[in-house]
C-alpha atoms as a PDB file:
ATOM      1  CA  UNK A   1       0.000   0.000   0.000  1.00  0.00           C
ATOM      2  CA  UNK A   2       1.248   3.466  -0.859  1.00  0.00           C
ATOM      3  CA  UNK A   3       0.927   6.119   1.840  1.00  0.00           C
ATOM      4  CA  UNK A   4       1.001   9.652   0.542  1.00  0.00           C
ATOM      5  CA  UNK A   5       2.657  12.118   2.834  1.00  0.00           C
ATOM      6  CA  UNK A   6       0.845  15.295   3.754  1.00  0.00           C
ATOM      7  CA  UNK A   7       1.991  17.954   1.360  1.00  0.00           C
ATOM      8  CA  UNK A   8       0.691  21.459   1.794  1.00  0.00           C
ATOM      9  CA  UNK A   9       0.214  23.447  -1.362  1.00  0.00           C
ATOM     10  CA  UNK A  10      -0.301  27.163  -1.037  1.00  0.00           C
ATOM     11  CA  UNK A  11      -1.153  29.554  -3.795  1.00  0.00           C
ATOM     12  CA  UNK A  12       2.501  30.444  -4.304  1.00  0.00           C
ATOM     13  CA  UNK A  13       3.504  26.812  -4.748  1.00  0.00           C
ATOM     14  CA  UNK A  14       0.856  26.132  -7.354  1.00  0.00           C
ATOM     15  CA  UNK A  15       1.748  29.264  -9.270  1.00  0.00           C
ATOM     16  CA  UNK A  16       5.486  28.627  -9.276  1.00  0.00           C
ATOM     17  CA  UNK A  17       5.709  24.836  -9.559  1.00  0.00           C
ATOM     18  CA  UNK A  18       3.857  21.975 -11.153  1.00  0.00           C
ATOM     19  CA  UNK A  19       2.182  19.906  -8.443  1.00  0.00           C
ATOM     20  CA  UNK A  20       3.693  16.774 -10.034  1.00  0.00           C
ATOM     21  CA  UNK A  21       7.175  18.040  -9.161  1.00  0.00           C
ATOM     22  CA  UNK A  22       6.362  18.386  -5.465  1.00  0.00           C
ATOM     23  CA  UNK A  23       5.693  14.695  -4.803  1.00  0.00           C
ATOM     24  CA  UNK A  24       8.694  13.149  -2.952  1.00  0.00           C
ATOM     25  CA  UNK A  25      11.041  11.025  -5.039  1.00  0.00           C
ATOM     26  CA  UNK A  26      10.578   7.803  -3.063  1.00  0.00           C
ATOM     27  CA  UNK A  27       6.802   7.956  -3.514  1.00  0.00           C
ATOM     28  CA  UNK A  28       7.167   8.596  -7.232  1.00  0.00           C
ATOM     29  CA  UNK A  29       9.543   5.644  -7.545  1.00  0.00           C
ATOM     30  CA  UNK A  30       6.972   3.414  -5.844  1.00  0.00           C
ATOM     31  CA  UNK A  31       4.243   4.599  -8.200  1.00  0.00           C
ATOM     32  CA  UNK A  32       6.440   4.267 -11.281  1.00  0.00           C
ATOM     33  CA  UNK A  33       7.205   0.660 -10.349  1.00  0.00           C
ATOM     34  CA  UNK A  34       3.605  -0.259 -11.172  1.00  0.00           C
ATOM     35  CA  UNK A  35       3.681   1.256 -14.669  1.00  0.00           C
ATOM     36  CA  UNK A  36       4.650  -0.467 -17.887  1.00  0.00           C
ATOM     37  CA  UNK A  37       7.542   0.690 -20.042  1.00  0.00           C
ATOM     38  CA  UNK A  38       5.432   2.691 -22.474  1.00  0.00           C
ATOM     39  CA  UNK A  39       3.828   4.549 -19.556  1.00  0.00           C
ATOM     40  CA  UNK A  40       7.247   5.215 -18.035  1.00  0.00           C
ATOM     41  CA  UNK A  41       8.412   6.762 -21.280  1.00  0.00           C
ATOM     42  CA  UNK A  42       5.399   9.060 -21.267  1.00  0.00           C
ATOM     43  CA  UNK A  43       5.998   9.963 -17.610  1.00  0.00           C
ATOM     44  CA  UNK A  44       9.571  10.983 -18.383  1.00  0.00           C
ATOM     45  CA  UNK A  45       8.132  13.719 -20.618  1.00  0.00           C
ATOM     46  CA  UNK A  46       5.869  15.238 -17.962  1.00  0.00           C
ATOM     47  CA  UNK A  47       8.376  17.448 -16.158  1.00  0.00           C
ATOM     48  CA  UNK A  48      12.050  17.811 -15.290  1.00  0.00           C
ATOM     49  CA  UNK A  49      11.586  16.173 -11.912  1.00  0.00           C
ATOM     50  CA  UNK A  50      10.079  12.990 -13.352  1.00  0.00           C
ATOM     51  CA  UNK A  51      12.649  12.935 -16.135  1.00  0.00           C
ATOM     52  CA  UNK A  52      15.433  13.196 -13.537  1.00  0.00           C
ATOM     53  CA  UNK A  53      14.065  10.254 -11.556  1.00  0.00           C
ATOM     54  CA  UNK A  54      13.576   8.003 -14.590  1.00  0.00           C
ATOM     55  CA  UNK A  55      17.002   8.954 -15.953  1.00  0.00           C
ATOM     56  CA  UNK A  56      18.601   7.272 -12.941  1.00  0.00           C
ATOM     57  CA  UNK A  57      19.115   3.826 -14.470  1.00  0.00           C
ATOM     58  CA  UNK A  58      19.934   2.177 -11.146  1.00  0.00           C
ATOM     59  CA  UNK A  59      17.035   3.331  -8.982  1.00  0.00           C
ATOM     60  CA  UNK A  60      14.233   1.153  -7.570  1.00  0.00           C
ATOM     61  CA  UNK A  61      12.024   1.677 -10.624  1.00  0.00           C
ATOM     62  CA  UNK A  62      14.417  -0.065 -12.986  1.00  0.00           C
ATOM     63  CA  UNK A  63      15.529  -2.577 -10.353  1.00  0.00           C
ATOM     64  CA  UNK A  64      11.906  -3.685  -9.899  1.00  0.00           C
ATOM     65  CA  UNK A  65      11.296  -4.062 -13.649  1.00  0.00           C
ATOM     66  CA  UNK A  66      14.609  -5.851 -14.075  1.00  0.00           C
ATOM     67  CA  UNK A  67      13.848  -8.348 -11.293  1.00  0.00           C
ATOM     68  CA  UNK A  68      10.356  -8.874 -12.706  1.00  0.00           C
ATOM     69  CA  UNK A  69      11.451  -9.616 -16.283  1.00  0.00           C
ATOM     70  CA  UNK A  70      14.858 -11.262 -16.003  1.00  0.00           C
ATOM     71  CA  UNK A  71      15.571 -14.692 -14.597  1.00  0.00           C
ATOM     72  CA  UNK A  72      17.570 -14.680 -11.362  1.00  0.00           C
ATOM     73  CA  UNK A  73      20.290 -16.839 -12.928  1.00  0.00           C
ATOM     74  CA  UNK A  74      20.941 -14.137 -15.538  1.00  0.00           C
ATOM     75  CA  UNK A  75      21.332 -11.379 -12.963  1.00  0.00           C
ATOM     76  CA  UNK A  76      23.776 -13.509 -10.942  1.00  0.00           C
ATOM     77  CA  UNK A  77      25.787 -14.751 -13.926  1.00  0.00           C
ATOM     78  CA  UNK A  78      28.485 -13.015 -15.956  1.00  0.00           C
ATOM     79  CA  UNK A  79      26.245 -12.887 -19.017  1.00  0.00           C
ATOM     80  CA  UNK A  80      25.337  -9.219 -18.481  1.00  0.00           C
ATOM     81  CA  UNK A  81      28.401  -8.275 -16.461  1.00  0.00           C
ATOM     82  CA  UNK A  82      29.417  -5.582 -18.957  1.00  0.00           C
ATOM     83  CA  UNK A  83      26.108  -3.759 -18.404  1.00  0.00           C
ATOM     84  CA  UNK A  84      26.402  -1.539 -15.354  1.00  0.00           C
ATOM     85  CA  UNK A  85      22.786  -0.529 -14.713  1.00  0.00           C
ATOM     86  CA  UNK A  86      19.417  -2.191 -14.211  1.00  0.00           C
ATOM     87  CA  UNK A  87      17.914  -0.288 -17.127  1.00  0.00           C
ATOM     88  CA  UNK A  88      20.718  -1.433 -19.436  1.00  0.00           C
ATOM     89  CA  UNK A  89      20.136  -5.072 -18.435  1.00  0.00           C
ATOM     90  CA  UNK A  90      16.410  -4.675 -19.019  1.00  0.00           C
ATOM     91  CA  UNK A  91      17.048  -3.111 -22.425  1.00  0.00           C
ATOM     92  CA  UNK A  92      19.249  -6.062 -23.355  1.00  0.00           C
ATOM     93  CA  UNK A  93      16.494  -8.515 -22.421  1.00  0.00           C
ATOM     94  CA  UNK A  94      13.917  -6.644 -24.496  1.00  0.00           C
ATOM     95  CA  UNK A  95      16.242  -6.921 -27.510  1.00  0.00           C
ATOM     96  CA  UNK A  96      17.222 -10.561 -26.936  1.00  0.00           C
ATOM     97  CA  UNK A  97      16.215 -13.613 -29.008  1.00  0.00           C
ATOM     98  CA  UNK A  98      12.561 -14.003 -29.913  1.00  0.00           C
ATOM     99  CA  UNK A  99      11.187 -17.453 -28.973  1.00  0.00           C
ATOM    100  CA  UNK A 100       8.269 -16.850 -31.364  1.00  0.00           C
ATOM    101  CA  UNK A 101      10.425 -15.914 -34.347  1.00  0.00           C
ATOM    102  CA  UNK A 102      12.731 -18.872 -34.780  1.00  0.00           C
ATOM    103  CA  UNK A 103      12.918 -22.305 -36.358  1.00  0.00           C
ATOM    104  CA  UNK A 104      10.896 -25.036 -34.674  1.00  0.00           C
ATOM    105  CA  UNK A 105      14.207 -26.805 -34.033  1.00  0.00           C
ATOM    106  CA  UNK A 106      15.478 -23.950 -31.851  1.00  0.00           C
ATOM    107  CA  UNK A 107      14.650 -23.490 -28.197  1.00  0.00           C
ATOM    108  CA  UNK A 108      15.227 -20.199 -26.390  1.00  0.00           C
ATOM    109  CA  UNK A 109      16.120 -20.978 -22.796  1.00  0.00           C
ATOM    110  CA  UNK A 110      14.197 -19.313 -19.931  1.00  0.00           C
ATOM    111  CA  UNK A 111      16.990 -16.778 -19.372  1.00  0.00           C
ATOM    112  CA  UNK A 112      16.010 -15.255 -22.719  1.00  0.00           C
ATOM    113  CA  UNK A 113      19.595 -14.939 -24.002  1.00  0.00           C
ATOM    114  CA  UNK A 114      20.661 -18.509 -24.759  1.00  0.00           C
ATOM    115  CA  UNK A 115      19.643 -20.538 -27.805  1.00  0.00           C
ATOM    116  CA  UNK A 116      19.674 -24.310 -27.999  1.00  0.00           C
ATOM    117  CA  UNK A 117      19.338 -26.133 -31.300  1.00  0.00           C
ATOM    118  CA  UNK A 118      17.842 -29.602 -31.201  1.00  0.00           C
ATOM    119  CA  UNK A 119      20.130 -32.112 -32.995  1.00  0.00           C
ATOM    120  CA  UNK A 120      18.042 -32.526 -36.148  1.00  0.00           C
ATOM    121  CA  UNK A 121      19.982 -33.975 -39.081  1.00  0.00           C
ATOM    122  CA  UNK A 122      20.104 -32.215 -42.438  1.00  0.00           C
ATOM    123  CA  UNK A 123      18.540 -29.006 -41.193  1.00  0.00           C
ATOM    124  CA  UNK A 124      19.758 -25.424 -40.943  1.00  0.00           C
ATOM    125  CA  UNK A 125      17.921 -23.346 -38.343  1.00  0.00           C
ATOM    126  CA  UNK A 126      17.833 -19.685 -37.383  1.00  0.00           C
ATOM    127  CA  UNK A 127      16.448 -17.207 -34.867  1.00  0.00           C
ATOM    128  CA  UNK A 128      15.752 -13.469 -34.995  1.00  0.00           C
ATOM    129  CA  UNK A 129      15.869 -10.846 -32.261  1.00  0.00           C
ATOM    130  CA  UNK A 130      12.710  -9.413 -30.709  1.00  0.00           C
ATOM    131  CA  UNK A 131      13.118  -5.891 -32.042  1.00  0.00           C
ATOM    132  CA  UNK A 132      14.182  -4.707 -35.481  1.00  0.00           C
ATOM    133  CA  UNK A 133      15.901  -1.431 -36.329  1.00  0.00           C
ATOM    134  CA  UNK A 134      15.391   1.121 -39.069  1.00  0.00           C
ATOM    135  CA  UNK A 135      17.313   4.092 -37.667  1.00  0.00           C
ATOM    136  CA  UNK A 136      20.180   4.848 -35.311  1.00  0.00           C
ATOM    137  CA  UNK A 137      23.289   2.824 -34.458  1.00  0.00           C
ATOM    138  CA  UNK A 138      23.043  -0.506 -32.608  1.00  0.00           C
ATOM    139  CA  UNK A 139      25.340  -3.264 -31.367  1.00  0.00           C
ATOM    140  CA  UNK A 140      24.843  -6.675 -29.776  1.00  0.00           C
ATOM    141  CA  UNK A 141      27.092  -9.587 -28.861  1.00  0.00           C
ATOM    142  CA  UNK A 142      26.966 -13.266 -29.798  1.00  0.00           C
ATOM    143  CA  UNK A 143      28.999 -16.017 -28.110  1.00  0.00           C
ATOM    144  CA  UNK A 144      29.103 -19.645 -29.275  1.00  0.00           C
ATOM    145  CA  UNK A 145      29.470 -22.062 -26.355  1.00  0.00           C
ATOM    146  CA  UNK A 146      29.707 -25.259 -28.391  1.00  0.00           C
ATOM    147  CA  UNK A 147      30.949 -26.613 -31.749  1.00  0.00           C
ATOM    148  CA  UNK A 148      30.118 -24.409 -34.735  1.00  0.00           C
ATOM    149  CA  UNK A 149      29.105 -27.219 -37.043  1.00  0.00           C
ATOM    150  CA  UNK A 150      29.100 -26.943 -40.833  1.00  0.00           C
ATOM    151  CA  UNK A 151      27.849 -23.341 -40.884  1.00  0.00           C
ATOM    152  CA  UNK A 152      27.569 -20.718 -38.158  1.00  0.00           C
ATOM    153  CA  UNK A 153      26.419 -17.347 -39.456  1.00  0.00           C
ATOM    154  CA  UNK A 154      25.721 -14.098 -37.594  1.00  0.00           C
ATOM    155  CA  UNK A 155      24.266 -10.941 -39.050  1.00  0.00           C
ATOM    156  CA  UNK A 156      20.945  -9.297 -39.837  1.00  0.00           C
ATOM    157  CA  UNK A 157      17.796  -9.946 -41.832  1.00  0.00           C
ATOM    158  CA  UNK A 158      14.389  -8.521 -42.580  1.00  0.00           C
ATOM    159  CA  UNK A 159      11.196 -10.245 -41.481  1.00  0.00           C
ATOM    160  CA  UNK A 160      10.943 -11.827 -44.939  1.00  0.00           C
ATOM    161  CA  UNK A 161      14.070 -13.976 -44.517  1.00  0.00           C
ATOM    162  CA  UNK A 162      13.373 -17.662 -43.888  1.00  0.00           C
ATOM    163  CA  UNK A 163      14.278 -19.351 -40.611  1.00  0.00           C
ATOM    164  CA  UNK A 164      14.687 -22.996 -41.605  1.00  0.00           C
ATOM    165  CA  UNK A 165      15.753 -25.020 -44.619  1.00  0.00           C
ATOM    166  CA  UNK A 166      16.853 -28.539 -45.493  1.00  0.00           C
ATOM    167  CA  UNK A 167      20.531 -29.422 -45.588  1.00  0.00           C
ATOM    168  CA  UNK A 168      23.521 -27.572 -44.159  1.00  0.00           C
ATOM    169  CA  UNK A 169      23.742 -24.190 -45.877  1.00  0.00           C
ATOM    170  CA  UNK A 170      24.367 -20.565 -45.019  1.00  0.00           C
ATOM    171  CA  UNK A 171      20.713 -19.695 -44.487  1.00  0.00           C
ATOM    172  CA  UNK A 172      21.586 -16.170 -43.411  1.00  0.00           C
ATOM    173  CA  UNK A 173      22.714 -14.504 -46.624  1.00  0.00           C
ATOM    174  CA  UNK A 174      20.973 -17.014 -48.882  1.00  0.00           C
ATOM    175  CA  UNK A 175      18.619 -14.329 -50.252  1.00  0.00           C
ATOM    176  CA  UNK A 176      18.397 -10.566 -50.711  1.00  0.00           C
ATOM    177  CA  UNK A 177      16.715 -10.181 -47.309  1.00  0.00           C
ATOM    178  CA  UNK A 178      19.717 -11.086 -45.154  1.00  0.00           C
ATOM    179  CA  UNK A 179      23.428 -10.347 -44.666  1.00  0.00           C
ATOM    180  CA  UNK A 180      25.769 -12.590 -42.702  1.00  0.00           C
ATOM    181  CA  UNK A 181      29.283 -13.607 -41.762  1.00  0.00           C
ATOM    182  CA  UNK A 182      30.018 -17.350 -41.708  1.00  0.00           C
ATOM    183  CA  UNK A 183      32.372 -17.881 -38.787  1.00  0.00           C
ATOM    184  CA  UNK A 184      33.361 -21.327 -40.035  1.00  0.00           C
ATOM    185  CA  UNK A 185      35.125 -20.210 -43.229  1.00  0.00           C
ATOM    186  CA  UNK A 186      35.277 -16.387 -42.777  1.00  0.00           C
ATOM    187  CA  UNK A 187      33.061 -15.666 -45.798  1.00  0.00           C
ATOM    188  CA  UNK A 188      30.458 -12.929 -46.140  1.00  0.00           C
ATOM    189  CA  UNK A 189      27.089 -14.053 -47.521  1.00  0.00           C
ATOM    190  CA  UNK A 190      24.301 -12.121 -49.246  1.00  0.00           C
ATOM    191  CA  UNK A 191      21.758 -12.824 -51.987  1.00  0.00           C
ATOM    192  CA  UNK A 192      22.900 -16.428 -52.244  1.00  0.00           C
ATOM    193  CA  UNK A 193      26.481 -15.513 -53.111  1.00  0.00           C
ATOM    194  CA  UNK A 194      29.795 -15.283 -51.321  1.00  0.00           C
ATOM    195  CA  UNK A 195      30.781 -11.634 -50.973  1.00  0.00           C
ATOM    196  CA  UNK A 196      34.455 -12.319 -50.257  1.00  0.00           C
ATOM    197  CA  UNK A 197      36.614 -13.100 -47.247  1.00  0.00           C
ATOM    198  CA  UNK A 198      36.211 -11.266 -43.980  1.00  0.00           C
ATOM    199  CA  UNK A 199      38.014  -9.754 -42.232  1.00  0.00           C
ATOM    200  CA  UNK A 200      40.494  -8.531 -44.818  1.00  0.00           C
ATOM    201  CA  UNK A 201      43.601  -9.777 -43.010  1.00  0.00           C
ATOM    202  CA  UNK A 202      46.398 -12.074 -44.096  1.00  0.00           C
ATOM    203  CA  UNK A 203      45.976 -15.535 -42.560  1.00  0.00           C
ATOM    204  CA  UNK A 204      43.067 -14.344 -40.452  1.00  0.00           C
ATOM    205  CA  UNK A 205      42.407 -16.858 -37.655  1.00  0.00           C
ATOM    206  CA  UNK A 206      39.020 -18.531 -37.578  1.00  0.00           C
ATOM    207  CA  UNK A 207      36.542 -18.069 -34.779  1.00  0.00           C
ATOM    208  CA  UNK A 208      37.297 -19.944 -31.578  1.00  0.00           C
ATOM    209  CA  UNK A 209      34.487 -21.124 -29.312  1.00  0.00           C
ATOM    210  CA  UNK A 210      33.945 -18.630 -26.492  1.00  0.00           C
ATOM    211  CA  UNK A 211      35.093 -15.525 -28.354  1.00  0.00           C
ATOM    212  CA  UNK A 212      32.763 -12.523 -28.288  1.00  0.00           C
ATOM    213  CA  UNK A 213      31.384 -11.391 -31.633  1.00  0.00           C
ATOM    214  CA  UNK A 214      29.879  -7.912 -31.608  1.00  0.00           C
ATOM    215  CA  UNK A 215      27.534  -7.091 -34.484  1.00  0.00           C
ATOM    216  CA  UNK A 216      27.396  -3.360 -35.292  1.00  0.00           C
ATOM    217  CA  UNK A 217      24.501  -2.059 -37.371  1.00  0.00           C
ATOM    218  CA  UNK A 218      24.673   1.566 -38.508  1.00  0.00           C
ATOM    219  CA  UNK A 219      21.341   2.590 -40.031  1.00  0.00           C
ATOM    220  CA  UNK A 220      22.625   6.121 -40.627  1.00  0.00           C
ATOM    221  CA  UNK A 221      25.537   5.069 -42.853  1.00  0.00           C
ATOM    222  CA  UNK A 222      23.782   1.842 -43.959  1.00  0.00           C
ATOM    223  CA  UNK A 223      26.679  -0.410 -42.953  1.00  0.00           C
ATOM    224  CA  UNK A 224      27.172  -3.662 -41.045  1.00  0.00           C
ATOM    225  CA  UNK A 225      30.414  -4.312 -39.166  1.00  0.00           C
ATOM    226  CA  UNK A 226      31.792  -6.788 -36.650  1.00  0.00           C
ATOM    227  CA  UNK A 227      34.165  -6.943 -33.692  1.00  0.00           C
ATOM    228  CA  UNK A 228      35.866 -10.027 -32.286  1.00  0.00           C
ATOM    229  CA  UNK A 229      36.924  -9.890 -28.652  1.00  0.00           C
ATOM    230  CA  UNK A 230      36.541  -6.074 -28.822  1.00  0.00           C
ATOM    231  CA  UNK A 231      38.811  -5.750 -31.873  1.00  0.00           C
ATOM    232  CA  UNK A 232      37.103  -3.902 -34.723  1.00  0.00           C
ATOM    233  CA  UNK A 233      37.350  -5.940 -37.923  1.00  0.00           C
ATOM    234  CA  UNK A 234      36.158  -3.306 -40.381  1.00  0.00           C
ATOM    235  CA  UNK A 235      32.984  -2.742 -42.362  1.00  0.00           C
ATOM    236  CA  UNK A 236      31.582  -5.971 -43.783  1.00  0.00           C
ATOM    237  CA  UNK A 237      28.624  -4.671 -45.804  1.00  0.00           C
ATOM    238  CA  UNK A 238      27.882  -1.256 -47.252  1.00  0.00           C
ATOM    239  CA  UNK A 239      24.775   0.054 -48.963  1.00  0.00           C
ATOM    240  CA  UNK A 240      22.207  -1.673 -46.781  1.00  0.00           C
ATOM    241  CA  UNK A 241      18.638  -0.769 -47.762  1.00  0.00           C
ATOM    242  CA  UNK A 242      17.335   2.473 -46.296  1.00  0.00           C
ATOM    243  CA  UNK A 243      14.367   1.556 -44.122  1.00  0.00           C
ATOM    244  CA  UNK A 244      12.894   4.936 -43.313  1.00  0.00           C
ATOM    245  CA  UNK A 245       9.611   5.840 -41.657  1.00  0.00           C
ATOM    246  CA  UNK A 246       6.927   7.328 -43.843  1.00  0.00           C
ATOM    247  CA  UNK A 247       3.901   9.375 -42.919  1.00  0.00           C
ATOM    248  CA  UNK A 248       0.312  10.050 -43.909  1.00  0.00           C
ATOM    249  CA  UNK A 249      -1.312   8.194 -46.809  1.00  0.00           C
ATOM    250  CA  UNK A 250       2.023   6.895 -48.023  1.00  0.00           C
ATOM    251  CA  UNK A 251       2.549   5.187 -44.677  1.00  0.00           C
ATOM    252  CA  UNK A 252      -0.838   3.462 -44.884  1.00  0.00           C
ATOM    253  CA  UNK A 253      -0.128   2.247 -48.400  1.00  0.00           C
ATOM    254  CA  UNK A 254       3.282   0.887 -47.491  1.00  0.00           C
ATOM    255  CA  UNK A 255       2.540  -0.567 -44.082  1.00  0.00           C
ATOM    256  CA  UNK A 256       2.271  -4.100 -45.450  1.00  0.00           C
ATOM    257  CA  UNK A 257       5.781  -3.894 -46.906  1.00  0.00           C
ATOM    258  CA  UNK A 258       7.489  -1.877 -44.166  1.00  0.00           C
ATOM    259  CA  UNK A 259      10.701  -3.545 -43.022  1.00  0.00           C
ATOM    260  CA  UNK A 260      13.269  -3.329 -40.297  1.00  0.00           C
ATOM    261  CA  UNK A 261      16.586  -5.109 -39.814  1.00  0.00           C
ATOM    262  CA  UNK A 262      16.674  -7.736 -37.055  1.00  0.00           C
ATOM    263  CA  UNK A 263      19.546  -9.457 -35.267  1.00  0.00           C
ATOM    264  CA  UNK A 264      19.821 -12.956 -36.751  1.00  0.00           C
ATOM    265  CA  UNK A 265      21.876 -16.108 -36.218  1.00  0.00           C
ATOM    266  CA  UNK A 266      21.812 -19.518 -37.917  1.00  0.00           C
ATOM    267  CA  UNK A 267      23.642 -22.831 -37.645  1.00  0.00           C
END
């Protein structure tokens, strides 16, 4: 139960300040804890005081939402150790793998961040992230904990890219809706063709299990790049399709074909 403290408002207070700014911080944090994320975003636009509270990414508001959404094992593990705040951990979870947008042979574990592929012979399977991007700059990390197999591709795709096919092929990059890097042979894949070796280094070592791959999507420059163990490997793809918002009647006409670029992995 929330107990509101007695706050006296005189005529001067009401004239000089918004009443919303006079509610004590700890009471506001308690109230905010009951709101969903969309409502919290709207609250941050109400006044400077509310914006200040919600900008603190380690306060009780974000701690509550983080504890509510994320499995305890994730918070105690090293999986999100590079993320310093509760809000950052929550943001990572909301952008993690989508259990409803993957091959039927893939299982997203309860922690939300780990994929498991069932050992089905002669099948290539993939999974997309929960949220796609059409503007801004974004990065996410992928770590393989087991053998790579015949193909192991990381990259991006639109919603139109398929998530399962027969045989062992580079599913990501097999059409014009996806772009990927095959970690097994260091080849870039797009539109069904090999786009050359990557990275452009002499005798470049192949991926070793446990190394961190960071995928970097720049929707402003329309490029896709990668890092390995925090070493930037250069731009892999240029000239990605511009996926811009539209407005008015044009938006209604194009809504069925609107696209965004999603994190994607297949093996």
